[in-house]
């Protein structure tokens, strides 16, 4: 009597490559959170999309302010250009250097060098605080010269644009501090590692955006005619 043998070989359709998908706690590369499947790759992608949306909103706001600045400068007789406080050159150097340090932090994390990652994050925080301090010092220099928000249209735009950029930079500093605290309490789970890398990626992207935005404002305020 012939015996029928049933094959247990997985179907070639499984995993699109003839083999099973990468193992995970749920057997399909996903994780359980509050009874629902959770994909760390999806979480990282949502972080990036959210950051791009936030930067687009900030970009549109500064575009509107730039348009108002250009129109006001071209249509008024009371426009008196400010003499640039020299400390703003230091501000510009600090924020450009901080763009390099945060990129170094991101790459250290990607290579698994966690001590280097935390060190470069801390350096970036210090540089960011130095940038804000130098901005405040520039404000004090202008105030000592009797130049305030309402002194003339150019001073009004300088205070408005630099303050708005500073507020958004403070948001970046808070994100950096969060990353630093999270790095100290990180775990080796797949979800934690992916979320940590995604967080570093989006904060680095935002910080570079702040770098470029300040250079743009600096040129607009003191070199554009």
N, C-alpha and C. Protein backbone atom coordinates (compact mmCIF):
# COMPACT_ATOMS: atom_id res chain seq x y z
N UNK A 1 0.85 -1.19 0.00
CA UNK A 1 0.00 0.00 0.00
C UNK A 1 0.89 1.25 0.00
N UNK A 2 0.67 2.20 -0.92
CA UNK A 2 1.52 3.40 -1.05
C UNK A 2 1.25 4.36 0.10
N UNK A 3 2.32 4.97 0.56
CA UNK A 3 2.21 5.94 1.68
C UNK A 3 2.36 7.35 1.14
N UNK A 4 1.42 8.23 1.50
CA UNK A 4 1.45 9.63 1.05
C UNK A 4 2.31 10.44 2.01
N UNK A 5 3.31 11.16 1.48
CA UNK A 5 4.21 11.97 2.30
C UNK A 5 3.85 13.44 2.11
N UNK A 6 3.59 14.11 3.22
CA UNK A 6 3.24 15.54 3.18
C UNK A 6 4.46 16.37 3.45
N UNK A 7 4.79 17.28 2.51
CA UNK A 7 5.99 18.11 2.64
C UNK A 7 5.74 19.26 3.60
N UNK A 8 6.72 19.54 4.44
CA UNK A 8 6.65 20.68 5.37
C UNK A 8 7.49 21.84 4.90
N UNK A 9 8.02 21.81 3.69
CA UNK A 9 8.84 22.89 3.14
C UNK A 9 7.98 24.13 2.95
N UNK A 10 8.46 25.30 3.41
CA UNK A 10 7.66 26.53 3.28
C UNK A 10 7.44 26.92 1.85
N UNK A 11 6.30 27.55 1.61
CA UNK A 11 5.96 27.99 0.27
C UNK A 11 6.91 29.07 -0.19
N UNK A 12 7.30 29.08 -1.49
CA UNK A 12 8.17 30.13 -2.00
C UNK A 12 7.56 31.52 -1.91
N UNK A 13 6.22 31.61 -1.76
CA UNK A 13 5.58 32.90 -1.67
C UNK A 13 5.91 33.58 -0.36
N UNK A 14 6.17 32.79 0.70
CA UNK A 14 6.38 33.36 2.02
C UNK A 14 7.61 34.25 2.04
N UNK A 15 7.43 35.50 2.50
CA UNK A 15 8.54 36.43 2.64
C UNK A 15 9.08 36.94 1.33
N UNK A 16 8.47 36.67 0.19
CA UNK A 16 8.86 37.13 -1.14
C UNK A 16 10.21 36.58 -1.58
N UNK A 17 10.93 35.88 -0.72
CA UNK A 17 12.25 35.43 -1.10
C UNK A 17 12.47 33.96 -0.92
N UNK A 18 11.39 33.21 -0.73
CA UNK A 18 11.54 31.78 -0.59
C UNK A 18 11.79 31.35 0.83
N UNK A 19 11.95 32.24 1.75
CA UNK A 19 12.23 31.91 3.14
C UNK A 19 11.33 32.69 4.05
N UNK A 20 11.39 32.40 5.33
CA UNK A 20 10.53 33.11 6.27
C UNK A 20 11.01 34.53 6.48
N UNK A 21 10.13 35.37 6.96
CA UNK A 21 10.49 36.73 7.27
C UNK A 21 11.40 36.77 8.49
N UNK A 22 12.03 37.94 8.71
CA UNK A 22 12.91 38.07 9.86
C UNK A 22 12.10 37.85 11.13
N UNK A 23 12.61 37.06 12.08
CA UNK A 23 11.87 36.74 13.28
C UNK A 23 11.65 37.97 14.14
N UNK A 24 10.60 37.97 14.83
CA UNK A 24 10.28 39.06 15.76
C UNK A 24 9.42 38.49 16.86
N UNK A 25 9.11 39.26 17.87
CA UNK A 25 8.28 38.77 18.97
C UNK A 25 6.95 38.22 18.52
N UNK A 26 6.41 38.72 17.40
CA UNK A 26 5.14 38.21 16.89
C UNK A 26 5.34 37.28 15.71
N UNK A 27 6.62 36.96 15.39
CA UNK A 27 6.88 36.05 14.29
C UNK A 27 6.90 36.70 12.94
N UNK A 28 6.67 38.02 12.85
CA UNK A 28 6.63 38.67 11.55
C UNK A 28 7.39 40.00 11.55
N UNK A 29 8.32 40.16 12.49
CA UNK A 29 9.12 41.36 12.54
C UNK A 29 8.46 42.51 13.27
N UNK A 30 7.23 42.31 13.75
CA UNK A 30 6.55 43.37 14.48
C UNK A 30 6.56 43.05 15.97
N UNK A 31 6.10 44.01 16.76
CA UNK A 31 6.07 43.87 18.20
C UNK A 31 4.66 44.18 18.67
N UNK A 32 4.37 43.75 19.89
CA UNK A 32 3.07 44.00 20.48
C UNK A 32 3.15 45.19 21.42
N UNK A 33 2.23 46.14 21.28
CA UNK A 33 2.14 47.26 22.20
C UNK A 33 0.67 47.50 22.46
N UNK A 34 0.27 47.36 23.71
CA UNK A 34 -1.14 47.54 24.11
C UNK A 34 -2.06 46.63 23.31
N UNK A 35 -1.57 45.42 23.00
CA UNK A 35 -2.39 44.46 22.29
C UNK A 35 -2.41 44.63 20.79
N UNK A 36 -1.66 45.61 20.24
CA UNK A 36 -1.65 45.87 18.81
C UNK A 36 -0.24 45.65 18.26
N UNK A 37 -0.17 45.26 17.00
CA UNK A 37 1.12 45.07 16.36
C UNK A 37 1.80 46.42 16.14
N UNK A 38 3.12 46.45 16.33
CA UNK A 38 3.89 47.69 16.22
C UNK A 38 5.15 47.40 15.43
N UNK A 39 5.37 48.14 14.36
CA UNK A 39 6.56 47.98 13.52
C UNK A 39 7.53 49.12 13.81
N UNK A 40 8.76 48.83 14.26
CA UNK A 40 9.71 49.92 14.51
C UNK A 40 10.07 50.69 13.25
N UNK A 41 10.08 50.02 12.09
CA UNK A 41 10.37 50.71 10.84
C UNK A 41 9.30 51.74 10.52
N UNK A 42 8.04 51.38 10.78
CA UNK A 42 6.94 52.31 10.56
C UNK A 42 7.05 53.50 11.51
N UNK A 43 7.44 53.26 12.76
CA UNK A 43 7.60 54.33 13.72
C UNK A 43 8.67 55.32 13.27
N UNK A 44 9.82 54.81 12.78
CA UNK A 44 10.90 55.67 12.32
C UNK A 44 10.43 56.52 11.14
N UNK A 45 9.69 55.92 10.23
CA UNK A 45 9.19 56.65 9.06
C UNK A 45 8.21 57.75 9.49
N UNK A 46 7.38 57.47 10.47
CA UNK A 46 6.42 58.48 10.93
C UNK A 46 7.14 59.63 11.61
N UNK A 47 8.24 59.37 12.30
CA UNK A 47 9.04 60.44 12.89
C UNK A 47 9.52 61.40 11.80
N UNK A 48 10.07 60.82 10.74
CA UNK A 48 10.64 61.66 9.66
C UNK A 48 9.55 62.48 8.96
N UNK A 49 8.41 61.84 8.70
CA UNK A 49 7.31 62.56 8.05
C UNK A 49 6.85 63.72 8.93
N UNK A 50 6.70 63.48 10.22
CA UNK A 50 6.29 64.53 11.14
C UNK A 50 7.27 65.69 11.16
N UNK A 51 8.57 65.38 11.12
CA UNK A 51 9.57 66.44 11.13
C UNK A 51 9.53 67.26 9.85
N UNK A 52 9.38 66.59 8.69
CA UNK A 52 9.29 67.33 7.43
C UNK A 52 8.07 68.26 7.41
N UNK A 53 6.96 67.80 7.98
CA UNK A 53 5.77 68.64 8.04
C UNK A 53 6.02 69.86 8.93
N UNK A 54 6.67 69.64 10.08
CA UNK A 54 6.97 70.75 10.99
C UNK A 54 7.91 71.76 10.33
N UNK A 55 8.94 71.28 9.65
CA UNK A 55 9.88 72.19 9.00
C UNK A 55 9.22 72.95 7.85
N UNK A 56 8.29 72.31 7.15
CA UNK A 56 7.57 73.01 6.09
C UNK A 56 6.76 74.16 6.65
N UNK A 57 6.13 73.94 7.81
CA UNK A 57 5.34 75.01 8.43
C UNK A 57 6.24 76.16 8.87
N UNK A 58 7.40 75.84 9.46
CA UNK A 58 8.34 76.88 9.87
C UNK A 58 8.86 77.64 8.66
N UNK A 59 9.17 76.91 7.59
CA UNK A 59 9.67 77.54 6.37
C UNK A 59 8.65 78.53 5.80
N UNK A 60 7.38 78.14 5.79
CA UNK A 60 6.34 79.04 5.27
C UNK A 60 6.20 80.28 6.12
N UNK A 61 6.34 80.13 7.44
CA UNK A 61 6.24 81.29 8.33
C UNK A 61 7.38 82.28 8.06
N UNK A 62 8.60 81.77 7.92
CA UNK A 62 9.73 82.66 7.66
C UNK A 62 9.69 83.22 6.23
N UNK A 63 9.09 82.50 5.32
CA UNK A 63 8.90 83.04 3.98
C UNK A 63 7.97 84.25 4.01
N UNK A 64 6.91 84.16 4.80
CA UNK A 64 5.98 85.28 4.94
C UNK A 64 6.67 86.47 5.60
N UNK A 65 7.47 86.21 6.63
CA UNK A 65 8.19 87.30 7.31
C UNK A 65 9.21 87.94 6.37
N UNK A 66 9.86 87.12 5.56
CA UNK A 66 10.83 87.65 4.60
C UNK A 66 10.15 88.55 3.58
N UNK A 67 8.99 88.14 3.10
CA UNK A 67 8.25 88.96 2.14
C UNK A 67 7.88 90.30 2.75
N UNK A 68 7.42 90.29 4.00
CA UNK A 68 7.08 91.53 4.68
C UNK A 68 8.32 92.41 4.86
N UNK A 69 9.45 91.79 5.18
CA UNK A 69 10.70 92.53 5.36
C UNK A 69 11.12 93.23 4.07
N UNK A 70 11.08 92.51 2.96
CA UNK A 70 11.52 93.07 1.68
C UNK A 70 10.60 94.20 1.23
N UNK A 71 9.29 93.98 1.37
CA UNK A 71 8.33 95.02 0.96
C UNK A 71 8.50 96.26 1.83
N UNK A 72 8.66 96.07 3.13
CA UNK A 72 8.81 97.22 4.05
C UNK A 72 10.10 97.97 3.77
N UNK A 73 11.17 97.24 3.49
CA UNK A 73 12.45 97.90 3.23
C UNK A 73 12.41 98.72 1.95
N UNK A 74 11.65 98.25 0.97
CA UNK A 74 11.62 98.93 -0.33
C UNK A 74 10.63 100.07 -0.39
N UNK A 75 9.71 100.14 0.57
CA UNK A 75 8.62 101.11 0.44
C UNK A 75 8.60 102.16 1.54
N UNK A 76 9.64 102.22 2.36
CA UNK A 76 9.60 103.18 3.47
C UNK A 76 10.79 104.13 3.41
N UNK A 77 10.55 105.36 3.90
CA UNK A 77 11.62 106.35 3.98
C UNK A 77 12.27 106.39 5.35
N UNK A 78 11.71 105.64 6.30
CA UNK A 78 12.25 105.64 7.66
C UNK A 78 13.10 104.40 7.95
N UNK A 79 13.55 103.75 6.90
CA UNK A 79 14.36 102.52 7.06
C UNK A 79 15.80 102.93 7.33
N UNK A 80 16.30 102.59 8.51
CA UNK A 80 17.68 102.91 8.88
C UNK A 80 18.42 101.61 9.17
N UNK A 81 19.30 101.17 8.26
CA UNK A 81 20.01 99.89 8.45
C UNK A 81 20.82 99.89 9.74
N UNK A 82 20.81 98.76 10.41
CA UNK A 82 21.56 98.61 11.65
C UNK A 82 23.02 98.29 11.36
N UNK A 83 23.89 98.77 12.24
CA UNK A 83 25.28 98.32 12.20
C UNK A 83 25.32 96.95 12.87
N UNK A 84 25.87 95.99 12.20
CA UNK A 84 25.86 94.61 12.71
C UNK A 84 26.69 94.49 13.99
N UNK A 85 26.11 94.01 15.08
CA UNK A 85 26.92 93.70 16.27
C UNK A 85 27.92 92.58 15.94
N UNK A 86 29.18 92.82 16.25
CA UNK A 86 30.22 91.86 15.87
C UNK A 86 30.03 90.49 16.51
N UNK A 87 29.34 90.46 17.64
CA UNK A 87 29.15 89.19 18.32
C UNK A 87 28.30 88.23 17.49
N UNK A 88 27.55 88.77 16.52
CA UNK A 88 26.75 87.90 15.66
C UNK A 88 27.62 87.04 14.75
N UNK A 89 28.84 87.49 14.49
CA UNK A 89 29.78 86.63 13.76
C UNK A 89 30.11 85.39 14.58
N UNK A 90 30.29 85.60 15.88
CA UNK A 90 30.52 84.46 16.78
C UNK A 90 29.32 83.54 16.80
N UNK A 91 28.12 84.11 16.85
CA UNK A 91 26.89 83.30 16.80
C UNK A 91 26.88 82.40 15.58
N UNK A 92 27.23 82.98 14.45
CA UNK A 92 27.19 82.23 13.19
C UNK A 92 28.21 81.09 13.20
N UNK A 93 29.39 81.37 13.72
CA UNK A 93 30.41 80.32 13.81
C UNK A 93 29.95 79.19 14.73
N UNK A 94 29.38 79.55 15.87
CA UNK A 94 28.95 78.54 16.84
C UNK A 94 27.88 77.62 16.26
N UNK A 95 26.91 78.20 15.56
CA UNK A 95 25.82 77.36 15.06
C UNK A 95 26.28 76.50 13.89
N UNK A 96 27.23 77.01 13.09
CA UNK A 96 27.77 76.19 12.00
C UNK A 96 28.60 75.02 12.55
N UNK A 97 29.39 75.29 13.58
CA UNK A 97 30.17 74.21 14.20
C UNK A 97 29.25 73.18 14.83
N UNK A 98 28.15 73.64 15.44
CA UNK A 98 27.20 72.71 16.07
C UNK A 98 26.55 71.78 15.05
N UNK A 99 26.43 72.26 13.79
CA UNK A 99 25.91 71.37 12.76
C UNK A 99 26.85 70.20 12.51
N UNK A 100 28.16 70.45 12.62
CA UNK A 100 29.12 69.36 12.47
C UNK A 100 29.13 68.42 13.66
N UNK A 101 28.96 68.96 14.86
CA UNK A 101 29.00 68.10 16.05
C UNK A 101 27.77 67.20 16.14
N UNK A 102 26.60 67.73 15.76
CA UNK A 102 25.41 66.87 15.83
C UNK A 102 25.45 65.78 14.75
N UNK A 103 26.06 66.11 13.62
CA UNK A 103 26.22 65.08 12.59
C UNK A 103 27.19 64.01 13.07
N UNK A 104 28.24 64.42 13.78
CA UNK A 104 29.18 63.45 14.36
C UNK A 104 28.47 62.55 15.37
N UNK A 105 27.57 63.14 16.18
CA UNK A 105 26.81 62.34 17.15
C UNK A 105 25.94 61.31 16.44
N UNK A 106 25.25 61.74 15.39
CA UNK A 106 24.37 60.81 14.66
C UNK A 106 25.16 59.65 14.07
N UNK A 107 26.33 59.93 13.53
CA UNK A 107 27.14 58.87 12.93
C UNK A 107 27.72 57.94 13.99
N UNK A 108 28.07 58.48 15.15
CA UNK A 108 28.56 57.63 16.24
C UNK A 108 27.48 56.65 16.68
N UNK A 109 26.25 57.14 16.78
CA UNK A 109 25.15 56.25 17.16
C UNK A 109 24.95 55.16 16.12
N UNK A 110 25.02 55.55 14.86
CA UNK A 110 24.81 54.58 13.78
C UNK A 110 25.87 53.49 13.79
N UNK A 111 27.10 53.84 14.19
CA UNK A 111 28.18 52.86 14.24
C UNK A 111 28.23 52.09 15.56
N UNK A 112 27.34 52.44 16.49
CA UNK A 112 27.28 51.73 17.77
C UNK A 112 28.18 52.29 18.84
N UNK A 113 28.83 53.44 18.59
CA UNK A 113 29.72 54.06 19.57
C UNK A 113 28.90 54.97 20.48
N UNK A 114 28.26 54.40 21.49
CA UNK A 114 27.32 55.16 22.30
C UNK A 114 28.00 56.22 23.16
N UNK A 115 29.20 55.94 23.63
CA UNK A 115 29.89 56.95 24.44
C UNK A 115 30.22 58.19 23.59
N UNK A 116 30.66 57.96 22.36
CA UNK A 116 30.93 59.08 21.45
C UNK A 116 29.65 59.82 21.09
N UNK A 117 28.56 59.08 20.94
CA UNK A 117 27.26 59.69 20.64
C UNK A 117 26.86 60.66 21.75
N UNK A 118 26.96 60.22 22.99
CA UNK A 118 26.57 61.07 24.11
C UNK A 118 27.50 62.28 24.25
N UNK A 119 28.80 62.07 23.98
CA UNK A 119 29.74 63.17 24.08
C UNK A 119 29.44 64.27 23.06
N UNK A 120 29.20 63.87 21.81
CA UNK A 120 28.94 64.87 20.76
C UNK A 120 27.58 65.54 20.94
N UNK A 121 26.61 64.81 21.50
CA UNK A 121 25.34 65.45 21.84
C UNK A 121 25.56 66.56 22.86
N UNK A 122 26.36 66.27 23.90
CA UNK A 122 26.62 67.26 24.94
C UNK A 122 27.34 68.48 24.36
N UNK A 123 28.29 68.24 23.46
CA UNK A 123 29.01 69.36 22.84
C UNK A 123 28.04 70.22 22.03
N UNK A 124 27.10 69.58 21.34
CA UNK A 124 26.12 70.33 20.54
C UNK A 124 25.23 71.18 21.43
N UNK A 125 24.83 70.63 22.58
CA UNK A 125 24.00 71.40 23.52
C UNK A 125 24.76 72.64 23.99
N UNK A 126 26.04 72.47 24.33
CA UNK A 126 26.85 73.60 24.79
C UNK A 126 26.96 74.67 23.70
N UNK A 127 27.20 74.24 22.47
CA UNK A 127 27.30 75.20 21.36
C UNK A 127 25.98 75.92 21.11
N UNK A 128 24.88 75.18 21.23
CA UNK A 128 23.57 75.80 21.07
C UNK A 128 23.30 76.85 22.14
N UNK A 129 23.67 76.53 23.38
CA UNK A 129 23.50 77.51 24.45
C UNK A 129 24.41 78.72 24.23
N UNK A 130 25.62 78.46 23.72
CA UNK A 130 26.52 79.57 23.40
C UNK A 130 25.95 80.47 22.33
N UNK A 131 25.29 79.87 21.34
CA UNK A 131 24.65 80.66 20.29
C UNK A 131 23.58 81.57 20.88
N UNK A 132 22.72 81.01 21.73
CA UNK A 132 21.66 81.82 22.33
C UNK A 132 22.24 82.93 23.21
N UNK A 133 23.29 82.62 23.95
CA UNK A 133 23.91 83.63 24.82
C UNK A 133 24.49 84.78 23.99
N UNK A 134 25.12 84.44 22.88
CA UNK A 134 25.69 85.49 22.03
C UNK A 134 24.59 86.34 21.38
N UNK A 135 23.45 85.72 21.08
CA UNK A 135 22.32 86.48 20.55
C UNK A 135 21.80 87.48 21.58
N UNK A 136 21.68 87.04 22.81
CA UNK A 136 21.23 87.93 23.88
C UNK A 136 22.24 89.06 24.10
N UNK A 137 23.51 88.75 23.98
CA UNK A 137 24.54 89.78 24.13
C UNK A 137 24.42 90.82 23.02
N UNK A 138 24.10 90.36 21.80
CA UNK A 138 23.90 91.30 20.69
C UNK A 138 22.71 92.21 20.98
N UNK A 139 21.65 91.65 21.54
CA UNK A 139 20.50 92.48 21.91
C UNK A 139 20.89 93.54 22.93
N UNK A 140 21.71 93.15 23.91
CA UNK A 140 22.13 94.09 24.94
C UNK A 140 23.00 95.19 24.34
N UNK A 141 23.84 94.83 23.39
CA UNK A 141 24.67 95.84 22.73
C UNK A 141 23.81 96.87 22.01
N UNK A 142 22.79 96.38 21.31
CA UNK A 142 21.90 97.30 20.60
C UNK A 142 21.11 98.17 21.57
N UNK A 143 20.65 97.57 22.66
CA UNK A 143 19.90 98.34 23.66
C UNK A 143 20.79 99.41 24.28
N UNK A 144 22.08 99.10 24.47
CA UNK A 144 23.00 100.09 25.03
C UNK A 144 23.19 101.27 24.08
N UNK A 145 22.96 101.03 22.78
CA UNK A 145 23.06 102.10 21.79
C UNK A 145 21.74 102.85 21.61
N UNK A 146 20.73 102.43 22.38
CA UNK A 146 19.41 103.06 22.27
C UNK A 146 18.58 102.53 21.12
N UNK A 147 18.92 101.32 20.64
CA UNK A 147 18.18 100.72 19.52
C UNK A 147 17.29 99.61 20.08
N UNK A 148 15.99 99.83 19.99
CA UNK A 148 15.02 98.88 20.54
C UNK A 148 14.10 98.38 19.42
N UNK A 149 13.11 97.59 19.81
CA UNK A 149 12.19 97.01 18.82
C UNK A 149 11.50 98.10 18.00
N UNK A 150 11.08 99.15 18.67
CA UNK A 150 10.29 100.19 17.99
C UNK A 150 11.13 101.35 17.46
N UNK A 151 12.46 101.22 17.48
CA UNK A 151 13.31 102.34 17.05
C UNK A 151 13.13 102.67 15.57
N UNK A 152 13.15 101.65 14.72
CA UNK A 152 12.92 101.84 13.29
C UNK A 152 12.53 100.49 12.70
N UNK A 153 12.05 100.45 11.46
CA UNK A 153 11.59 99.17 10.89
C UNK A 153 12.67 98.10 10.86
N UNK A 154 13.92 98.46 10.56
CA UNK A 154 14.96 97.44 10.49
C UNK A 154 15.22 96.81 11.85
N UNK A 155 15.27 97.62 12.89
CA UNK A 155 15.47 97.06 14.23
C UNK A 155 14.29 96.18 14.63
N UNK A 156 13.08 96.58 14.24
CA UNK A 156 11.90 95.77 14.55
C UNK A 156 12.02 94.38 13.92
N UNK A 157 12.41 94.34 12.65
CA UNK A 157 12.54 93.05 11.98
C UNK A 157 13.71 92.24 12.55
N UNK A 158 14.79 92.93 12.93
CA UNK A 158 15.92 92.19 13.51
C UNK A 158 15.49 91.47 14.78
N UNK A 159 14.86 92.19 15.68
CA UNK A 159 14.42 91.57 16.94
C UNK A 159 13.39 90.47 16.68
N UNK A 160 12.46 90.73 15.77
CA UNK A 160 11.42 89.75 15.48
C UNK A 160 12.00 88.47 14.88
N UNK A 161 12.84 88.61 13.85
CA UNK A 161 13.37 87.43 13.17
C UNK A 161 14.34 86.66 14.05
N UNK A 162 15.21 87.36 14.74
CA UNK A 162 16.18 86.66 15.59
C UNK A 162 15.49 85.99 16.78
N UNK A 163 14.45 86.64 17.33
CA UNK A 163 13.72 86.03 18.45
C UNK A 163 12.95 84.80 18.00
N UNK A 164 12.31 84.89 16.84
CA UNK A 164 11.54 83.75 16.33
C UNK A 164 12.46 82.57 16.05
N UNK A 165 13.62 82.85 15.46
CA UNK A 165 14.59 81.77 15.23
C UNK A 165 15.08 81.21 16.57
N UNK A 166 15.32 82.09 17.54
CA UNK A 166 15.80 81.63 18.84
C UNK A 166 14.81 80.71 19.54
N UNK A 167 13.52 81.04 19.44
CA UNK A 167 12.50 80.19 20.06
C UNK A 167 12.51 78.80 19.44
N UNK A 168 12.62 78.74 18.12
CA UNK A 168 12.66 77.44 17.45
C UNK A 168 13.95 76.69 17.77
N UNK A 169 15.04 77.41 17.98
CA UNK A 169 16.28 76.75 18.36
C UNK A 169 16.19 76.18 19.77
N UNK A 170 15.49 76.87 20.65
CA UNK A 170 15.27 76.34 21.99
C UNK A 170 14.53 75.00 21.92
N UNK A 171 13.57 74.91 20.98
CA UNK A 171 12.90 73.62 20.76
C UNK A 171 13.88 72.55 20.37
N UNK A 172 14.86 72.89 19.51
CA UNK A 172 15.88 71.93 19.13
C UNK A 172 16.76 71.54 20.31
N UNK A 173 17.08 72.51 21.18
CA UNK A 173 17.88 72.21 22.37
C UNK A 173 17.15 71.26 23.32
N UNK A 174 15.85 71.49 23.49
CA UNK A 174 15.06 70.58 24.33
C UNK A 174 15.07 69.17 23.76
N UNK A 175 15.00 69.06 22.42
CA UNK A 175 15.05 67.75 21.79
C UNK A 175 16.42 67.10 22.01
N UNK A 176 17.49 67.89 21.95
CA UNK A 176 18.83 67.35 22.20
C UNK A 176 18.97 66.86 23.64
N UNK A 177 18.44 67.63 24.57
CA UNK A 177 18.49 67.21 25.97
C UNK A 177 17.70 65.92 26.17
N UNK A 178 16.57 65.81 25.49
CA UNK A 178 15.77 64.58 25.56
C UNK A 178 16.57 63.39 25.02
N UNK A 179 17.25 63.59 23.88
CA UNK A 179 18.07 62.51 23.32
C UNK A 179 19.18 62.10 24.28
N UNK A 180 19.77 63.08 24.96
CA UNK A 180 20.85 62.79 25.91
C UNK A 180 20.33 61.96 27.07
N UNK A 181 19.19 62.33 27.62
CA UNK A 181 18.61 61.57 28.73
C UNK A 181 18.19 60.18 28.27
N UNK A 182 17.66 60.10 27.07
CA UNK A 182 17.24 58.80 26.54
C UNK A 182 18.43 57.90 26.29
N UNK A 183 19.56 58.47 25.88
CA UNK A 183 20.75 57.67 25.63
C UNK A 183 21.28 57.05 26.92
N UNK A 184 21.12 57.74 28.03
CA UNK A 184 21.58 57.21 29.33
C UNK A 184 20.71 56.07 29.81
N UNK A 185 19.44 56.05 29.38
CA UNK A 185 18.52 55.02 29.85
C UNK A 185 18.12 54.05 28.74
N UNK A 186 18.90 54.01 27.66
CA UNK A 186 18.53 53.18 26.51
C UNK A 186 18.69 51.70 26.82
N UNK A 187 17.94 50.87 26.10
CA UNK A 187 18.04 49.42 26.21
C UNK A 187 18.49 48.86 24.87
N UNK A 188 18.76 47.56 24.87
CA UNK A 188 19.24 46.92 23.65
C UNK A 188 18.11 46.29 22.84
N UNK A 189 16.85 46.55 23.18
CA UNK A 189 15.76 45.97 22.43
C UNK A 189 15.70 46.58 21.03
N UNK A 190 15.14 45.83 20.10
CA UNK A 190 15.08 46.31 18.70
C UNK A 190 14.29 47.60 18.60
N UNK A 191 13.17 47.66 19.32
CA UNK A 191 12.33 48.85 19.26
C UNK A 191 13.09 50.07 19.78
N UNK A 192 13.78 49.91 20.91
CA UNK A 192 14.51 51.03 21.51
C UNK A 192 15.62 51.52 20.59
N UNK A 193 16.34 50.59 19.97
CA UNK A 193 17.44 50.96 19.09
C UNK A 193 16.93 51.71 17.86
N UNK A 194 15.87 51.20 17.25
CA UNK A 194 15.32 51.83 16.05
C UNK A 194 14.76 53.21 16.39
N UNK A 195 14.05 53.33 17.50
CA UNK A 195 13.48 54.62 17.89
C UNK A 195 14.57 55.62 18.25
N UNK A 196 15.64 55.14 18.88
CA UNK A 196 16.74 56.04 19.23
C UNK A 196 17.42 56.58 17.97
N UNK A 197 17.65 55.71 16.99
CA UNK A 197 18.27 56.15 15.74
C UNK A 197 17.34 57.10 14.98
N UNK A 198 16.05 56.77 14.97
CA UNK A 198 15.09 57.64 14.28
C UNK A 198 15.03 59.01 14.95
N UNK A 199 15.06 59.03 16.28
CA UNK A 199 15.06 60.30 16.99
C UNK A 199 16.29 61.13 16.68
N UNK A 200 17.46 60.47 16.66
CA UNK A 200 18.70 61.18 16.33
C UNK A 200 18.66 61.72 14.91
N UNK A 201 18.10 60.95 13.99
CA UNK A 201 18.02 61.38 12.59
C UNK A 201 17.16 62.63 12.43
N UNK A 202 15.98 62.64 13.05
CA UNK A 202 15.07 63.77 12.85
C UNK A 202 15.55 65.02 13.58
N UNK A 203 16.16 64.85 14.76
CA UNK A 203 16.68 66.02 15.47
C UNK A 203 17.87 66.60 14.72
N UNK A 204 18.71 65.74 14.14
CA UNK A 204 19.83 66.22 13.33
C UNK A 204 19.32 66.99 12.12
N UNK A 205 18.30 66.47 11.48
CA UNK A 205 17.71 67.16 10.33
C UNK A 205 17.18 68.53 10.74
N UNK A 206 16.48 68.59 11.86
CA UNK A 206 15.93 69.86 12.34
C UNK A 206 17.05 70.85 12.68
N UNK A 207 18.12 70.36 13.30
CA UNK A 207 19.21 71.24 13.69
C UNK A 207 19.91 71.81 12.46
N UNK A 208 20.11 70.99 11.43
CA UNK A 208 20.69 71.50 10.19
C UNK A 208 19.79 72.57 9.58
N UNK A 209 18.49 72.37 9.68
CA UNK A 209 17.54 73.36 9.18
C UNK A 209 17.69 74.68 9.93
N UNK A 210 17.86 74.60 11.26
CA UNK A 210 18.10 75.80 12.04
C UNK A 210 19.40 76.49 11.65
N UNK A 211 20.44 75.71 11.36
CA UNK A 211 21.72 76.26 10.90
C UNK A 211 21.52 77.09 9.62
N UNK A 212 20.93 76.45 8.63
CA UNK A 212 20.73 77.10 7.34
C UNK A 212 19.83 78.32 7.48
N UNK A 213 18.80 78.20 8.31
CA UNK A 213 17.86 79.31 8.50
C UNK A 213 18.57 80.52 9.11
N UNK A 214 19.45 80.30 10.09
CA UNK A 214 20.14 81.43 10.69
C UNK A 214 21.08 82.10 9.68
N UNK A 215 21.83 81.32 8.92
CA UNK A 215 22.73 81.91 7.91
C UNK A 215 21.91 82.75 6.93
N UNK A 216 20.76 82.23 6.53
CA UNK A 216 19.88 82.98 5.63
C UNK A 216 19.43 84.30 6.26
N UNK A 217 19.00 84.26 7.52
CA UNK A 217 18.55 85.47 8.20
C UNK A 217 19.69 86.46 8.38
N UNK A 218 20.86 85.96 8.69
CA UNK A 218 22.03 86.81 8.88
C UNK A 218 22.34 87.59 7.60
N UNK A 219 22.34 86.89 6.47
CA UNK A 219 22.59 87.54 5.19
C UNK A 219 21.47 88.52 4.85
N UNK A 220 20.24 88.11 5.10
CA UNK A 220 19.10 88.98 4.79
C UNK A 220 19.15 90.27 5.60
N UNK A 221 19.45 90.18 6.88
CA UNK A 221 19.39 91.32 7.77
C UNK A 221 20.56 92.30 7.58
N UNK A 222 21.72 91.79 7.20
CA UNK A 222 22.89 92.66 7.22
C UNK A 222 23.62 92.79 5.88
N UNK A 223 23.26 91.98 4.90
CA UNK A 223 23.97 92.07 3.62
C UNK A 223 23.04 92.26 2.43
N UNK A 224 21.76 91.99 2.61
CA UNK A 224 20.81 92.20 1.52
C UNK A 224 20.46 93.68 1.42
N UNK A 225 20.46 94.20 0.21
CA UNK A 225 20.07 95.59 -0.01
C UNK A 225 19.03 95.66 -1.14
